[in-house]
Amino acid sequence: MNLQADKNAEGEKSYKEVWKYLDSVLHEDDYTSWQSFSCNVTKALFSSGTTVRRHTSSNSFSSPVSPRRLIFQCLKGSSQSQLLQSDMAEKPMCPSTQIPDDEDTVEYIFQRELFVVYFNKIVFFQNIDSQKEDNIRCLNMLGHFGFDCLAHQLVDKSVQQGFFFNILCVGETGIGKSTLIDTLFNTNLKDKKSSHFYASVGLKIQTYELQENNVQLKLTVVKTVGYGDQINKEASYQPIVDYLDAQFESYLQEELKIKRSLGDYRDSRVHVCLYFISPTGHSLKSLDILTMKNIDSKVNIIPVIAKADAISKSDLQTFKCAIMNELISNGIQMYQFPTDNETSTHMNSSMNGLLPFAVVGSTEEVKVGKRTVRGRQYPWGILQVENENHCDFVKLRDMLLCTNMEDLKEQTHTRHYERYRRNRLHMMGFTDMGPNNQPVSFQEIYEAKRQELLEQCQREEEELKHKFMQRLQDKFEHLKKVQQEETTRLEEERRQLEEEILEFYKMKASSGTLQSQGFPDSVSPDYLPYQLWDSVQAFASSLSGSLATHAVLLGIGVGDAKASVSAATATWLVKDSTGMLGRIVFAWWMGSKMDCNAKQWRLFADILNDIAMFLEIMAPILPFCFTITVCISNLAKCLVGVAGGATRAALTMHQARRNNMADVSAKDGSQETLVNLAGLLVSLLMLPMVSDSPSLSLGCFFFLTALHIYANYRAVRALVIETLNEQRLWLVLRHFLQRGEVLGPTSANQMEPLWTGFWSSVSLSLGAPLHHVTSSVSELQQLVEGHQEPYLLRWDQSRNQVQVVLSQMAGPEAILRAATHGLVLGALRGDGPLPEELEELRNQARAGPEKESWVVVRETHQVLDKLFPKFLKGLQDAGWSTEKHQLEVDEWRATWLLCPEKKVL
């Protein structure tokens, strides 16, 4: 090997190129066995400022020769080599023929210094050019000092830290980006396939750590996702540009820090972009040209034709030429493999002529004869990925990884990053030269920028002051105008309001006979809609009653000369007495239950009233059972009177909000009287028209009955009662157990059943006698143990019946808890979702015998200790009244005491 400075070369070359060349030579042989020699060679090469050329007899790069033998052979064959030994000081220059055959003596000639390595000793001399400089002293290095191993220390440090390499793959979805990367590094990087349905282009970033021999490579692969899949591809390149700029900006910010740590910084700048071109065989797509034009100044672009096996060889060459012509015509700068390094000039020059590379990727192994190779199996044959006659994959791998990886990183730093850095610093106001082409220091730039910023701030402050004063003046004028307009409008509104007040007082004076004092604040919010629908039903009921009364009078014989007065009187007396007896019995039997279900009994009373009137209309048609029919009808009307009067009192109590029950009840009666008067007037007009036609009379009756039932339903449904009865409590409790929320009064009243509201899912008896619950002290002991609530509870699982004995100390809240406890036990028999604690009890209740119901009751006490306070607070927050209730409670009360020995007394 002949190492000689090229005196005809122009410009200085970086020491990195020399180091890269030395590394390419030394990696072919055992490095550790040649440690001292390589240190000396490296030191000599670092001292060189020029490119070192490699010369061999065959000028071939393929024959592996050890560095020691190669350097010695080339030095021996050089005609310009000079030898200088410590024992030949009197004859420092000698021809190449005097170089001894001993490989331990090697000589290097460089442009600035001459180093002679002789038995691991360095003798320093000036070369011919440096002898012209008189101010440089020539010293002989006598002995070994150790700094010849500096390069070896640098190598060890680089190997320990590892190397970074970042690749950007740009190409359409499914073009083979992941497969090619896997093929390049002969490994499976386990990348998932991307979809074609992305709304915009994205980037997928993956980092891997690879190791080859003792060299560790931290590889980052950035791939486009959804590239080329959108209808509008105009901005498809923007995410790529943003990513490249973001990495440059991150590195720049690290450089500008006061306390930098570039040694530990993870460099994420993209070193090379593999742009995958679709194998169309014709030309580049407009998207390809647009993207490459926008990124060629930010990254080294190497175009590759993906899936090149889809094009014939003849068409492939034509396609390559067409691509290069388009790139040149559009001014797109591709990465050119460097030709200034004489160790790789010939190879890189030839590779530049092969761009773009036609590649095929595959991770599959196929059989070719007796060998297993990576390739693709086709019906017509096998395509071998590493066969250069089939594709350019090997060339791409050699150029990318083996030969030019360091140059790609250097180009990224010295070219693309420097361009970005220079532009960003110019944007920030930094420059190297002043207006007169004089160097400018950082302090001068800082002072100038500071002064410029202060002046700008002062100008903007003055502008802001001026704008503020102008806007303040405009706002003042606007407010004056608005004030005048508002004053005029307020005067007009005041006049109108006075007129409305006068009109209101007139209306109030005229309507005071029908509405309660202080309306609407003195009544509940549901008062008005209820009264409107109640008036409609009263009007329809009045008309229906007129038709029924007319029919009864005809049946008795009014207007018939043959009818007996005594018979009519007897029939009337029997009818009235039957109703009176029924009123007494019904009030005794059901009177205490009507407060609990006022809405249901109200609706029941109106429907029963319609049935009674229907019987009265049908009585004349059935003269043989006239008396029985009118008696049943009058009995039903008496029941209606009891139910209607009782429920009217309960509803009046609900609607009166200022202890004004008498006023609300009186005005309700006035409204009903007025409606009945209107009904009588209409009846006087209607009866003459329908009295002669029974069918027309029945038709009018059915129409009025339907209107009456509908209006009653709407009136009852409009009521929103804030007190809890058993039905409303069950609805609220079930919703709380299932969803953890408490229903408000409006929602619960809307969900409350009106037609089936007399029956609940569980038979709950509040205020039961003690002897109905237990018959022995031992059973009473089981009931009392485990809780201190003022009630005892017994659950009959077979009939789903809960009997509750109340203590004399039980107040409204205790009764509410007892009812809640009973309904919770009933919920255990259902199938709806329950909290986790109750689910366990449900399974236990279903699996265990009835005698275990005491255990279930005791455990539900513990569950209610946690749930009931939250449930009670939820009721109060939702607007329910917990100080009173409408639960059906018997008057039985019991007293029990628990002595210190926990025995019942």
Foldseek 3Di string as FASTA:
>chain_A
DAWAADPPDDDWDALVLVVVVLCLQQVLDDDVVCQLVSLLVSVVSSVAGHFTAADDPVPDDPDRDHPLVRQQVNQLPDQPHFFADPVPVVPRGDTSVPDDPDSQWGWHYHDFWTWTGHNSDTFTDGDPVNVVDPVDDHDTDDDDDPCSNVVVVVVVVDLVVAEEAEEEEEDAFPLQPQLLVCQLVVHRPPDDGADLDDQAKDKDKDWDWDDDDSGIYIYIYIYIGNQPSHPDNPCNLVNVLVVQLVLLVVVVVLVPDPDHDVVPDDRHHHLEYEYEAEPPLPEGDPSVLVNQVSCLLRYAYAYEHGPLVVDDPVSVVVHQVRHVVVCVVSVRDHDQQDLSRNVCNVVSVVVNVCPNWYAYGFSDWDDDPPDIATFDQDPVGTQGRPDVVRTCSVVCSCSCPVPCVVVSVVCNVPGNSVVSVVVVVVVVQDDQADPVRHGDDPVRSVVVVVVVVVVVVVVVVVVVVVVVVVVVVVVVVVVVVVVVVVVVVVVVVVVVVVVVVVVVVVVCVVCVLQDFPPPPVQWDPLVVLLLVLVLQLLLLLLLLVLLLVVLLCVLQPVVNPPHDPVSSVVLVVLLVVLQVVLLVVLCVPCVLQCLQPLLLLLLVLLLLLLVLSVLSNCLSVPSVCNSVSSSVSSNSNSSSVSSNVSSVQSVLVQTGDPPPSVRRVSSSVVSSVVSSVVSVVVNVVVCVVPVVPSVVSVVSSVVSSVSSSVSSVSSSLSDQGQFDELQLLLVQLVCCFQPVAGDFSNVSSNVRDNNPNVDDLAAEAAQDAPCVADDDQVVVLLQCPQDDQQKGWDADVVRRYIYIAGAPPDALLSSSVVSSLSSLSSCLPDDGDGPPQSVVLSVCVVPDDRVCVSVSSSVSVVVCVPVVVVSVVSSVVSRHDSNDHSYSHDPHHDDWDQDPVRGID
